[in-house]
């Protein structure tokens, strides 16, 4: 028997806009509590927001990017 949807399709959450690394490097030193000195300079391709250098990140986190605070302002 086919499944009947009584309330219509379930709305999806909007996709997060991510900032991507434009430069990758190492911090000059480790800060207390850091697990890594790796980091990158992140810029949003959509709005141009520049987050500057962010450190204490893994390679995967750098490749994935970080959410843009300007483009994702209404989400929470």
Protein backbone atom coordinates (compact mmCIF):
# COMPACT_ATOMS: atom_id res chain seq x y z
CA UNK A 1 0.00 0.00 0.00
CA UNK A 2 1.49 3.39 -0.95
CA UNK A 3 2.37 5.80 1.82
CA UNK A 4 0.01 8.79 2.00
CA UNK A 5 1.36 12.11 3.26
CA UNK A 6 -1.47 13.86 5.09
CA UNK A 7 0.30 17.14 5.88
CA UNK A 8 2.32 17.79 2.73
CA UNK A 9 6.08 17.70 2.33
CA UNK A 10 8.27 18.42 5.32
CA UNK A 11 10.04 21.78 4.83
CA UNK A 12 13.83 21.55 4.76
CA UNK A 13 16.13 23.85 6.66
CA UNK A 14 17.90 26.36 4.40
CA UNK A 15 21.51 25.52 3.57
CA UNK A 16 24.21 27.24 5.57
CA UNK A 17 26.45 29.60 3.64
CA UNK A 18 30.05 28.68 4.39
CA UNK A 19 33.18 30.83 4.28
CA UNK A 20 36.10 29.13 2.56
CA UNK A 21 39.83 29.36 3.23
CA UNK A 22 41.71 31.65 0.86
CA UNK A 23 45.05 31.05 2.60
CA UNK A 24 46.22 28.27 4.93
CA UNK A 25 49.10 28.33 7.38
CA UNK A 26 50.49 27.71 10.84
CA UNK A 27 50.21 29.98 13.87
CA UNK A 28 53.55 31.34 15.07
CA UNK A 29 53.02 29.56 18.40
CA UNK A 30 50.57 27.50 20.37
CA UNK A 31 48.11 29.23 22.70
CA UNK A 32 46.95 27.58 25.95
CA UNK A 33 44.18 25.09 25.24
CA UNK A 34 44.88 24.72 21.52
CA UNK A 35 45.23 21.25 20.05
CA UNK A 36 46.68 22.42 16.73
CA UNK A 37 48.47 25.46 15.30
CA UNK A 38 46.87 24.96 11.86
CA UNK A 39 44.48 27.55 10.55
CA UNK A 40 43.36 29.64 7.63
CA UNK A 41 42.13 33.03 6.46
CA UNK A 42 38.40 32.73 5.72
CA UNK A 43 36.34 34.85 3.30
CA UNK A 44 32.70 34.44 2.24
CA UNK A 45 32.26 34.10 -1.52
CA UNK A 46 28.68 35.33 -1.31
CA UNK A 47 28.87 38.57 0.70
CA UNK A 48 32.64 39.13 0.91
CA UNK A 49 32.82 39.01 4.74
CA UNK A 50 36.43 38.56 5.86
CA UNK A 51 36.76 36.66 9.15
CA UNK A 52 40.54 36.96 9.16
CA UNK A 53 42.80 34.20 10.45
CA UNK A 54 41.24 31.41 12.52
CA UNK A 55 43.50 28.83 14.17
CA UNK A 56 43.22 25.63 16.24
CA UNK A 57 41.51 23.76 13.40
CA UNK A 58 41.93 20.32 11.86
CA UNK A 59 42.56 19.80 8.14
CA UNK A 60 38.95 18.67 7.69
CA UNK A 61 37.55 21.77 9.41
CA UNK A 62 39.68 24.01 7.19
CA UNK A 63 38.50 22.24 4.00
CA UNK A 64 34.85 22.28 5.13
CA UNK A 65 34.91 25.98 5.97
CA UNK A 66 33.11 27.91 8.69
CA UNK A 67 29.56 29.35 8.63
CA UNK A 68 29.33 32.99 7.53
CA UNK A 69 27.89 35.09 10.38
CA UNK A 70 26.53 37.71 7.94
CA UNK A 71 24.74 35.40 5.47
CA UNK A 72 23.42 33.08 8.22
CA UNK A 73 22.33 35.90 10.55
CA UNK A 74 18.61 34.96 10.64
CA UNK A 75 19.27 31.29 11.36
CA UNK A 76 19.84 29.98 14.79
